Amino acid sequence: MIRSVVRGSGSALPKRCVSNEELAQTVDTSDEWIVERSGIRQRYVAGEGETTSSLAIDAAKAACADAGVDPTTIDLIVLATATPDNTFPATATKVQDALGCNGGIAFDVAAVCSGFLYALATADSMLRTGMARRALVIGAETFSRILDWEDRTTCVLFGDGAGAVLLEAQDSDEAGPGVITSRLHADGAQHDLLYVDGGPSTTQTVGHVRMKGREVFRHAVVNLAEVLGEVLEESGLSIDDVDWVVPHQANARILDATARKLGIPAERVVVTVDRHANTSAASVPLALDVARKDGRIKSGDLVMLEAMGGGFTWGASLIRM
């Protein structure tokens, strides 16, 4: 069978790191308040000249270098973002041009915090059907630019960054490496629980993030537990077979509650929310890259990725590294 095998990963963060203490100088909050409610201790905020595309390009180059792959051989780029450089063209085309692989396929996916999972499943389908051979799947955000910095319930939760994985179509068997299965969902009825109050066709503005945190928390724990169960059932595996869970880094309390609901030991969950905050579509690939680079995730490990975001959208993917 043909499988989409992870050849490499990379990530990028803005230069400026903002601690809770620094944020408390301009926002009515405190380090204790933020840590207690989210587990976040710092986040990275994009400065002048740092954009979603510049972070995505750096992460993509790092993934190519990690894989030892010439960037000009990439024939598919799927970039997940809710904060594109422009309404159009797709930010993915800027990455493509920077890598020198023009002429292939390049497009953006908008599924907010679940965007990387949507992008991964899309790229996997295209690789398995022969539309491309090598793909960069990227999650990149400059969420700081759509935050209301006077709303302490949202502005303290988010950060900027990018993460990327390089996938290659390879012959494999059931025990071999690659994306095993993915499941995706959406529920548009929950729009008003997590959204941006602006857009080109409504307000002609970018808008700001609005969120009803308690309701989002409740849906997240239920939806994520269910979709992880679906992926395991489809693959014929149990949670005990999974070596690592790499979740969307939204909130430490959501991570803890989901792990408890599924009976996952805390030491098998990759957590980076304390240092990156919620980087939306960049969250999962950033955490995956951290765990690969520090040696936790190794070749042959079975890794579960999962996320939920505005829309609502949610999904999970099971990968043999």
Protein backbone atom coordinates (compact mmCIF):
# COMPACT_ATOMS: atom_id res chain seq x y z
CA MET A 1 0.00 0.00 0.00
CA ILE A 2 0.98 3.64 -0.42
CA ARG A 3 1.31 5.60 2.80
CA SER A 4 2.23 9.19 3.60
CA VAL A 5 5.41 8.86 5.63
CA VAL A 6 6.73 11.65 7.87
CA ARG A 7 10.26 12.36 6.62
CA GLY A 8 10.93 15.46 8.71
CA SER A 9 9.51 18.27 10.80
CA GLY A 10 10.34 21.88 11.56
CA SER A 11 9.07 24.87 13.48
CA ALA A 12 9.49 28.61 13.82
CA LEU A 13 8.66 31.15 16.51
CA PRO A 14 8.75 34.94 16.54
CA LYS A 15 11.74 36.60 18.20
CA ARG A 16 9.74 38.19 21.01
CA CYS A 17 8.73 36.07 23.98
CA VAL A 18 6.08 37.63 26.24
CA SER A 19 5.79 36.32 29.80
CA ASN A 20 2.64 36.50 31.88
CA GLU A 21 4.33 39.10 34.07
CA GLU A 22 5.04 41.34 31.08
CA LEU A 23 1.48 40.91 29.82
CA ALA A 24 0.12 41.87 33.23
CA GLN A 25 1.73 45.29 32.85
CA THR A 26 -0.75 46.21 30.10
CA VAL A 27 -3.67 43.81 30.69
CA ASP A 28 -5.78 43.45 33.85
CA THR A 29 -4.46 40.00 34.74
CA SER A 30 -1.71 38.21 36.67
CA ASP A 31 0.62 35.28 36.24
CA GLU A 32 -1.32 33.32 38.87
CA TRP A 33 -4.67 33.98 37.15
CA ILE A 34 -3.41 32.86 33.73
CA VAL A 35 -1.55 29.76 34.96
CA GLU A 36 -4.48 28.59 37.09
CA ARG A 37 -6.96 28.82 34.21
CA SER A 38 -4.80 27.74 31.28
CA GLY A 39 -1.35 26.49 32.31
CA ILE A 40 0.22 29.13 30.06
CA ARG A 41 3.36 30.90 31.30
CA GLN A 42 4.52 32.66 28.15
CA ARG A 43 3.80 33.08 24.45
CA TYR A 44 5.60 34.38 21.35
CA VAL A 45 4.27 37.48 19.60
CA ALA A 46 5.13 38.45 16.03
CA GLY A 47 6.85 41.79 15.55
CA GLU A 48 7.45 44.06 12.59
CA GLY A 49 8.38 42.09 9.50
CA GLU A 50 7.22 38.79 11.00
CA THR A 51 4.18 37.41 9.21
CA THR A 52 2.30 34.16 8.86
CA SER A 53 4.18 33.50 5.61
CA SER A 54 7.62 34.30 7.04
CA LEU A 55 7.06 31.92 9.96
CA ALA A 56 5.66 29.27 7.61
CA ILE A 57 8.66 29.60 5.28
CA ASP A 58 11.12 29.17 8.16
CA ALA A 59 9.24 26.11 9.46
CA ALA A 60 9.05 24.62 5.96
CA LYS A 61 12.78 25.10 5.37
CA ALA A 62 13.52 23.48 8.73
CA ALA A 63 11.34 20.48 7.86
CA CYS A 64 13.11 20.06 4.52
CA ALA A 65 16.50 20.27 6.22
CA ASP A 66 15.43 17.75 8.86
CA ALA A 67 14.35 15.35 6.11
CA GLY A 68 17.41 16.00 3.97
CA VAL A 69 15.11 16.86 1.08
CA ASP A 70 15.70 19.48 -1.62
CA PRO A 71 12.83 22.02 -1.23
CA THR A 72 12.52 22.31 -5.02
CA THR A 73 11.26 18.69 -5.11
CA ILE A 74 8.14 19.53 -3.09
CA ASP A 75 5.08 19.22 -5.33
CA LEU A 76 2.30 19.88 -2.78
CA ILE A 77 1.96 22.50 -0.04
CA VAL A 78 -1.12 22.58 2.20
CA LEU A 79 -1.00 25.43 4.70
CA ALA A 80 -3.50 25.67 7.55
CA THR A 81 -4.10 29.17 8.88
CA ALA A 82 -6.81 31.47 10.17
CA THR A 83 -4.52 34.49 9.82
CA PRO A 84 -3.31 34.58 6.19
CA ASP A 85 -1.07 37.35 4.92
CA ASN A 86 -3.77 38.40 2.46
CA THR A 87 -7.38 37.54 1.75
CA PHE A 88 -5.92 36.09 -1.43
CA PRO A 89 -3.76 34.64 -2.86
CA ALA A 90 -3.18 31.70 -0.55
CA THR A 91 -0.28 32.11 1.87
CA ALA A 92 0.87 28.67 0.69
CA THR A 93 1.84 30.22 -2.64
CA LYS A 94 4.27 32.55 -0.86
CA VAL A 95 5.88 29.55 0.79
CA GLN A 96 6.05 27.78 -2.56
CA ASP A 97 7.82 30.71 -4.19
CA ALA A 98 10.28 31.06 -1.31
CA LEU A 99 11.17 27.37 -1.59
CA GLY A 100 11.58 27.53 -5.36
CA CYS A 101 9.07 24.77 -6.08
CA ASN A 102 6.64 26.79 -8.20
CA GLY A 103 4.40 24.83 -10.53
CA GLY A 104 3.15 22.26 -8.05
CA ILE A 105 0.01 22.43 -5.90
CA ALA A 106 -0.28 25.04 -3.15
CA PHE A 107 -3.34 26.14 -1.21
CA ASP A 108 -4.59 27.15 2.25
CA VAL A 109 -7.00 25.36 4.55
CA ALA A 110 -9.17 27.25 7.04
CA ALA A 111 -10.30 25.14 9.99
CA VAL A 112 -8.80 27.27 12.78
CA CYS A 113 -7.21 25.17 15.55
CA SER A 114 -8.09 21.93 13.73
CA GLY A 115 -6.54 23.28 10.55
CA PHE A 116 -3.38 21.18 10.69
CA LEU A 117 -5.43 17.98 11.07
CA TYR A 118 -7.58 18.98 8.09
CA ALA A 119 -4.47 19.86 6.07
CA LEU A 120 -2.77 16.59 7.02
CA ALA A 121 -5.75 14.47 5.97
CA THR A 122 -6.04 16.40 2.69
CA ALA A 123 -2.36 15.99 1.84
CA ASP A 124 -2.46 12.32 2.82
CA SER A 125 -5.38 11.69 0.44
CA MET A 126 -3.60 13.45 -2.41
CA LEU A 127 -0.36 11.56 -1.86
CA ARG A 128 -2.08 8.18 -1.68
CA THR A 129 -3.96 8.83 -4.92
CA GLY A 130 -0.80 9.87 -6.76
CA MET A 131 -1.53 13.57 -7.22
CA ALA A 132 1.79 14.39 -5.55
CA ARG A 133 4.86 12.62 -4.19
CA ARG A 134 6.21 15.01 -1.58
CA ALA A 135 4.13 17.38 0.51
CA LEU A 136 4.70 20.04 3.10
CA VAL A 137 1.85 20.27 5.60
CA ILE A 138 2.12 23.51 7.55
CA GLY A 139 0.24 25.19 10.37
CA ALA A 140 1.12 28.87 10.73
CA GLU A 141 -0.51 31.72 12.63
CA THR A 142 -0.08 35.31 13.75
CA PHE A 143 -3.09 35.16 16.06
CA SER A 144 -1.84 38.15 18.03
CA ARG A 145 -3.11 40.35 15.18
CA ILE A 146 -6.74 39.34 15.65
CA LEU A 147 -6.82 39.57 19.44
CA ASP A 148 -8.68 42.18 21.45
CA TRP A 149 -5.93 43.15 23.86
CA GLU A 150 -8.51 44.61 26.26
CA ASP A 151 -10.29 41.25 26.60
CA ARG A 152 -8.27 39.36 29.19
CA THR A 153 -10.35 36.20 28.75
CA THR A 154 -8.93 35.69 25.23
CA CYS A 155 -5.77 37.75 24.71
CA VAL A 156 -3.79 35.85 27.36
CA LEU A 157 -4.47 32.48 25.72
CA PHE A 158 -2.96 32.83 22.26
CA GLY A 159 0.44 33.12 20.64
CA ASP A 160 2.12 33.07 17.22
CA GLY A 161 4.22 30.44 15.49
CA ALA A 162 4.47 27.83 12.76
CA GLY A 163 5.12 24.13 12.44
CA ALA A 164 5.55 21.88 9.42
CA VAL A 165 5.93 18.23 8.49
CA LEU A 166 7.30 16.83 5.26
CA LEU A 167 5.34 13.85 3.96
CA GLU A 168 6.46 11.49 1.21
CA ALA A 169 4.40 8.83 -0.56
CA GLN A 170 6.12 5.47 0.00
CA ASP A 171 5.29 1.80 -0.37
CA SER A 172 4.49 0.44 3.07
CA ASP A 173 2.62 -2.35 4.82
CA GLU A 174 0.23 -2.32 7.76
CA ALA A 175 3.09 -2.37 10.26
CA GLY A 176 5.14 0.21 8.38
CA PRO A 177 5.44 3.97 8.86
CA GLY A 178 2.97 6.59 7.67
CA VAL A 179 -0.44 8.09 8.28
CA ILE A 180 -2.71 5.18 9.27
CA THR A 181 -6.08 6.88 9.50
CA SER A 182 -7.72 10.27 10.08
CA ARG A 183 -11.21 11.33 11.14
CA LEU A 184 -12.57 14.87 10.76
CA HIS A 185 -15.79 16.55 11.91
CA ALA A 186 -17.51 19.95 11.96
CA ASP A 187 -20.60 21.40 13.62
CA GLY A 188 -21.58 24.80 12.27
CA ALA A 189 -24.34 25.14 14.86
CA GLN A 190 -21.66 26.05 17.42
CA HIS A 191 -20.41 29.08 15.44
CA ASP A 192 -21.14 31.63 18.17
CA LEU A 193 -19.05 29.87 20.82
CA LEU A 194 -15.72 30.61 19.12
CA TYR A 195 -15.42 33.00 16.19
CA VAL A 196 -13.94 36.23 14.82
CA ASP A 197 -16.36 39.16 14.64
CA GLY A 198 -15.19 40.42 11.24
CA GLY A 199 -14.48 39.44 7.67
CA PRO A 200 -14.30 40.75 4.08
CA SER A 201 -17.93 40.05 3.13
CA THR A 202 -19.53 41.10 6.44
CA THR A 203 -17.68 43.96 8.11
CA GLN A 204 -14.84 44.55 5.65
CA THR A 205 -12.50 44.32 8.66
CA VAL A 206 -10.31 41.60 10.15
CA GLY A 207 -12.21 41.50 13.45
CA HIS A 208 -11.26 40.06 16.84
CA VAL A 209 -11.49 36.65 18.46
CA ARG A 210 -14.60 36.08 20.59
CA MET A 211 -15.02 33.00 22.76
CA LYS A 212 -17.32 31.52 25.37
CA GLY A 213 -14.69 29.59 27.25
CA ARG A 214 -16.81 27.32 29.46
CA GLU A 215 -18.91 26.06 26.57
CA VAL A 216 -15.83 25.50 24.40
CA PHE A 217 -14.19 23.52 27.22
CA ARG A 218 -17.21 21.24 27.58
CA HIS A 219 -17.49 20.52 23.85
CA ALA A 220 -13.73 20.04 23.49
CA VAL A 221 -13.45 17.28 26.08
CA VAL A 222 -16.41 15.33 24.68
CA ASN A 223 -15.59 15.79 20.98
CA LEU A 224 -11.89 14.99 21.32
CA ALA A 225 -12.51 11.85 23.36
CA GLU A 226 -15.04 10.65 20.77
CA VAL A 227 -12.88 11.29 17.70
CA LEU A 228 -9.86 9.59 19.27
CA GLY A 229 -12.11 6.59 19.93
CA GLU A 230 -13.22 6.61 16.29
CA VAL A 231 -9.63 6.59 15.01
CA LEU A 232 -8.65 3.75 17.33
CA GLU A 233 -11.71 1.69 16.36
CA GLU A 234 -11.06 2.21 12.65
CA SER A 235 -7.41 1.19 13.02
CA GLY A 236 -8.19 -1.80 15.23
CA LEU A 237 -5.95 -0.51 18.02
CA SER A 238 -6.42 0.51 21.64
CA ILE A 239 -5.20 3.52 23.54
CA ASP A 240 -2.60 1.25 25.16
CA ASP A 241 -0.99 0.77 21.73
CA VAL A 242 -0.42 4.52 21.34
CA ASP A 243 3.03 5.69 22.42
CA TRP A 244 2.35 9.43 22.33
CA VAL A 245 -0.63 11.76 22.11
CA VAL A 246 0.13 15.16 20.57
CA PRO A 247 -2.93 17.31 21.25
CA HIS A 248 -3.84 20.82 20.22
CA GLN A 249 -2.28 23.04 22.88
CA ALA A 250 -5.33 25.12 23.80
CA ASN A 251 -5.50 24.87 27.55
CA ALA A 252 -3.82 22.62 30.10
CA ARG A 253 -7.16 21.89 31.75
CA ILE A 254 -8.59 20.57 28.46
CA LEU A 255 -5.51 18.39 27.97
CA ASP A 256 -5.82 16.98 31.49
CA ALA A 257 -9.58 16.38 31.25
CA THR A 258 -9.32 14.65 27.86
CA ALA A 259 -6.47 12.42 29.05
CA ARG A 260 -8.45 11.42 32.15
CA LYS A 261 -11.55 10.66 30.08
CA LEU A 262 -9.55 8.33 27.82
CA GLY A 263 -7.35 6.89 30.55
CA ILE A 264 -4.14 8.21 28.98
CA PRO A 265 -1.19 8.57 31.39
CA ALA A 266 -0.03 12.18 31.61
CA GLU A 267 3.55 11.17 30.78
CA ARG A 268 2.43 10.04 27.29
CA VAL A 269 0.87 13.42 26.41
CA VAL A 270 3.10 16.03 24.77
CA VAL A 271 2.48 19.41 26.43
CA THR A 272 3.91 22.70 25.15
CA VAL A 273 1.03 25.03 26.01
CA ASP A 274 3.03 26.44 28.93
CA ARG A 275 5.69 27.90 26.59
CA HIS A 276 3.79 28.47 23.31
CA ALA A 277 0.21 29.19 24.47
CA ASN A 278 -2.51 28.44 21.90
CA THR A 279 -1.02 28.91 18.43
CA SER A 280 -4.16 27.65 16.66
CA ALA A 281 -3.27 25.68 13.50
CA ALA A 282 0.44 25.81 14.39
CA SER A 283 -0.12 24.15 17.76
CA VAL A 284 0.00 20.44 16.83
CA PRO A 285 2.99 20.58 14.42
CA LEU A 286 4.93 22.79 16.86
CA ALA A 287 4.40 20.28 19.66
CA LEU A 288 5.21 17.36 17.36
CA ASP A 289 8.47 18.98 16.30
CA VAL A 290 9.46 19.70 19.90
CA ALA A 291 8.87 16.07 20.91
CA ARG A 292 10.76 14.72 17.88
CA LYS A 293 13.72 17.02 18.41
CA ASP A 294 14.06 16.32 22.15
CA GLY A 295 14.04 12.58 21.47
CA ARG A 296 10.72 11.61 23.00
CA ILE A 297 9.05 10.62 19.72
CA LYS A 298 11.20 8.09 17.88
CA SER A 299 11.05 6.13 14.65
CA GLY A 300 8.45 3.37 14.94
CA ASP A 301 6.38 5.14 17.61
CA LEU A 302 2.61 5.24 17.22
CA VAL A 303 1.50 8.86 17.58
CA MET A 304 -2.03 10.26 17.89
CA LEU A 305 -2.61 13.87 16.82
CA GLU A 306 -5.86 15.61 17.81
CA ALA A 307 -7.39 19.10 17.80
CA MET A 308 -10.62 21.07 18.07
CA GLY A 309 -11.23 24.64 16.97
CA GLY A 310 -13.75 27.24 15.92
CA GLY A 311 -16.47 26.19 13.56
CA PHE A 312 -16.64 23.90 15.49
CA THR A 313 -14.13 21.67 13.73
CA TRP A 314 -12.31 18.74 15.25
CA GLY A 315 -10.33 15.71 14.21
CA ALA A 316 -7.59 13.18 14.91
CA SER A 317 -4.91 11.33 12.99
CA LEU A 318 -2.92 8.22 13.88
CA ILE A 319 0.63 8.05 12.49
CA ARG A 320 3.39 5.47 12.68
CA MET A 321 6.62 7.47 12.76
